[in-house]
Amino acid sequence: MLFEILKIVLPLLGGGAAGALLNDWFRRRSARLQSIPLIERVNRLVGPELKGFTLARVSGDAQDRRLEEIKRVREYQLTLRNTSSVHLHQIEVQFEFPTEDVEGRAERPARSKTTPVAVEPAITEPWKKGIRWRIPELPSTDSIEFTFRAVDPASDD
């Protein structure tokens, strides 16, 4: 009689525990990769609208410094917002551009205030320049802003 009861109860308990372990394994596996939205806030042409002013940059070495006028500069501002429920640690984000003359800046995240660390990018074809940062902490609902200025980009995108 006891053997008959064990034959019924043990598969139920074992199956439930195995199902719970399998479910936890799938949850942990899917939690490794998170899709985080990147919001484009600004994509504009920067130009001198004030009379008597021009956009220029310094070129040459210390003894032969001269100003070089720049005709087209685009500014891009993007916000990366952690909308997941997971507190992200040591994440890396990389941006790639079709032009080599790009300057990038990353602000500190709004909540965690950890300083982003510049990391060597791994550029893939057909891109010419990449900028990559490691963000030490990005808690849930936190966001970080990126600003890029590209000189004479191939397109407005």
Protein backbone atom coordinates (compact mmCIF):
# COMPACT_ATOMS: atom_id res chain seq x y z
CA MET A 1 0.00 0.00 0.00
CA LEU A 2 2.77 2.44 0.93
CA PHE A 3 4.59 1.48 -2.26
CA GLU A 4 1.49 2.35 -4.33
CA ILE A 5 1.26 5.82 -2.73
CA LEU A 6 4.96 6.48 -3.32
CA LYS A 7 4.56 5.45 -6.96
CA ILE A 8 1.95 8.22 -7.36
CA VAL A 9 3.51 10.97 -5.18
CA LEU A 10 7.17 10.74 -6.22
CA PRO A 11 6.64 11.45 -9.96
CA LEU A 12 4.47 14.44 -9.08
CA LEU A 13 7.06 15.88 -6.69
CA GLY A 14 10.00 15.06 -8.96
CA GLY A 15 8.25 16.40 -12.07
CA GLY A 16 7.30 19.62 -10.30
CA ALA A 17 10.85 20.18 -9.05
CA ALA A 18 12.32 19.36 -12.47
CA GLY A 19 9.84 21.73 -14.13
CA ALA A 20 10.74 24.50 -11.68
CA LEU A 21 14.47 23.97 -12.27
CA LEU A 22 13.99 23.95 -16.03
CA ASN A 23 11.86 27.12 -15.86
CA ASP A 24 14.52 28.88 -13.74
CA TRP A 25 17.26 27.82 -16.18
CA PHE A 26 15.32 29.30 -19.15
CA ARG A 27 14.61 32.53 -17.20
CA ARG A 28 18.30 33.00 -16.33
CA ARG A 29 19.37 32.22 -19.88
CA SER A 30 17.00 34.79 -21.41
CA ALA A 31 17.99 37.40 -18.80
CA ARG A 32 21.59 37.50 -20.11
CA LEU A 33 20.66 39.46 -23.22
CA GLN A 34 18.44 42.49 -22.74
CA SER A 35 16.94 44.64 -25.45
CA ILE A 36 17.33 48.26 -24.36
CA PRO A 37 15.67 51.03 -26.42
CA LEU A 38 17.83 53.75 -27.96
CA ILE A 39 15.89 56.97 -28.47
CA GLU A 40 17.05 59.52 -31.03
CA ARG A 41 16.34 62.96 -29.62
CA VAL A 42 18.27 65.24 -31.98
CA ASN A 43 19.52 64.88 -35.56
CA ARG A 44 20.28 68.33 -36.88
CA LEU A 45 22.62 70.25 -39.11
CA VAL A 46 24.81 72.59 -37.06
CA GLY A 47 25.46 75.81 -38.90
CA PRO A 48 26.48 79.35 -38.06
CA GLU A 49 23.36 81.47 -38.40
CA LEU A 50 24.94 84.49 -36.72
CA LYS A 51 26.35 87.10 -39.07
CA GLY A 52 30.14 87.27 -39.03
CA PHE A 53 30.67 83.79 -37.50
CA THR A 54 31.83 80.59 -39.13
CA LEU A 55 32.42 77.01 -38.06
CA ALA A 56 36.12 76.22 -38.11
CA ARG A 57 38.62 73.87 -36.54
CA VAL A 58 42.31 74.17 -35.82
CA SER A 59 44.54 72.12 -38.09
CA GLY A 60 48.29 71.72 -38.32
CA ASP A 61 50.91 71.43 -35.58
CA ALA A 62 51.83 73.93 -32.86
CA GLN A 63 54.05 76.04 -35.15
CA ASP A 64 51.85 75.92 -38.25
CA ARG A 65 48.37 76.35 -36.76
CA ARG A 66 45.61 77.49 -39.07
CA LEU A 67 41.82 77.53 -39.12
CA GLU A 68 39.98 75.31 -41.55
CA GLU A 69 36.37 76.22 -42.32
CA ILE A 70 33.84 73.42 -41.94
CA LYS A 71 30.76 73.48 -44.15
CA ARG A 72 28.59 70.61 -42.80
CA VAL A 73 28.42 69.35 -39.23
CA ARG A 74 25.59 67.15 -37.96
CA GLU A 75 24.81 66.71 -34.29
CA TYR A 76 23.15 63.56 -33.00
CA GLN A 77 21.83 63.13 -29.47
CA LEU A 78 20.67 59.70 -28.33
CA THR A 79 19.28 58.39 -25.04
CA LEU A 80 19.73 54.79 -23.90
CA ARG A 81 17.05 53.90 -21.34
CA ASN A 82 17.03 50.68 -19.28
CA THR A 83 13.36 49.72 -19.44
CA SER A 84 14.03 46.17 -18.19
CA SER A 85 13.64 45.10 -14.57
CA VAL A 86 17.27 43.93 -14.49
CA HIS A 87 20.05 46.03 -12.90
CA LEU A 88 22.72 45.97 -15.62
CA HIS A 89 26.44 45.77 -14.72
CA GLN A 90 29.46 46.39 -16.97
CA ILE A 91 27.44 46.77 -20.17
CA GLU A 92 29.10 47.95 -23.36
CA VAL A 93 27.56 50.04 -26.11
CA GLN A 94 29.15 50.78 -29.49
CA PHE A 95 28.20 53.26 -32.20
CA GLU A 96 29.54 53.00 -35.76
CA PHE A 97 29.68 55.77 -38.35
CA PRO A 98 30.20 56.00 -42.14
CA THR A 99 32.67 58.90 -41.74
CA GLU A 100 35.95 59.06 -39.81
CA ASP A 101 35.58 62.63 -38.58
CA VAL A 102 33.27 62.04 -35.59
CA GLU A 103 33.52 63.29 -32.03
CA GLY A 104 31.53 61.50 -29.32
CA ARG A 105 30.67 62.19 -25.70
CA ALA A 106 28.78 60.13 -23.11
CA GLU A 107 27.17 61.75 -20.09
CA ARG A 108 26.92 60.03 -16.72
CA PRO A 109 23.76 57.96 -16.23
CA ALA A 110 20.94 59.96 -14.63
CA ARG A 111 20.53 57.80 -11.50
CA SER A 112 23.71 55.79 -10.96
CA LYS A 113 26.12 58.65 -11.86
CA THR A 114 28.89 56.16 -12.76
CA THR A 115 31.43 57.45 -15.28
CA PRO A 116 31.34 55.68 -18.67
CA VAL A 117 34.74 54.26 -19.65
CA ALA A 118 35.98 54.54 -23.24
CA VAL A 119 36.81 51.12 -24.73
CA GLU A 120 38.57 50.24 -27.99
CA PRO A 121 35.83 49.60 -30.60
CA ALA A 122 35.63 46.61 -32.93
CA ILE A 123 34.64 48.24 -36.23
CA THR A 124 32.88 46.19 -38.90
CA GLU A 125 32.69 46.93 -42.62
CA PRO A 126 31.40 49.22 -44.19
CA TRP A 127 31.73 51.53 -41.15
CA LYS A 128 34.77 53.79 -40.90
CA LYS A 129 34.72 54.90 -37.25
CA GLY A 130 33.42 53.36 -34.06
CA ILE A 131 33.04 54.72 -30.55
CA ARG A 132 32.48 52.32 -27.63
CA TRP A 133 31.85 52.79 -23.91
CA ARG A 134 31.57 50.47 -20.92
CA ILE A 135 28.90 51.59 -18.46
CA PRO A 136 29.62 50.20 -14.96
CA GLU A 137 26.05 50.43 -13.60
CA LEU A 138 22.71 51.00 -15.33
CA PRO A 139 19.87 50.21 -12.92
CA SER A 140 16.31 49.68 -14.04
CA THR A 141 14.67 52.94 -15.27
CA ASP A 142 18.09 54.67 -15.51
CA SER A 143 19.18 56.39 -18.73
CA ILE A 144 22.37 57.70 -20.29
CA GLU A 145 22.79 60.33 -23.02
CA PHE A 146 25.23 60.27 -25.94
CA THR A 147 26.15 63.21 -28.19
CA PHE A 148 27.99 62.90 -31.50
CA ARG A 149 29.18 65.53 -33.96
CA ALA A 150 30.06 64.34 -37.45
CA VAL A 151 31.86 66.52 -40.00
CA ASP A 152 30.59 66.10 -43.55
CA PRO A 153 28.62 62.88 -42.96
CA ALA A 154 27.64 60.71 -45.94
CA SER A 155 23.90 61.16 -45.18
CA ASP A 156 21.54 62.83 -42.72
CA ASP A 157 20.96 59.44 -41.06
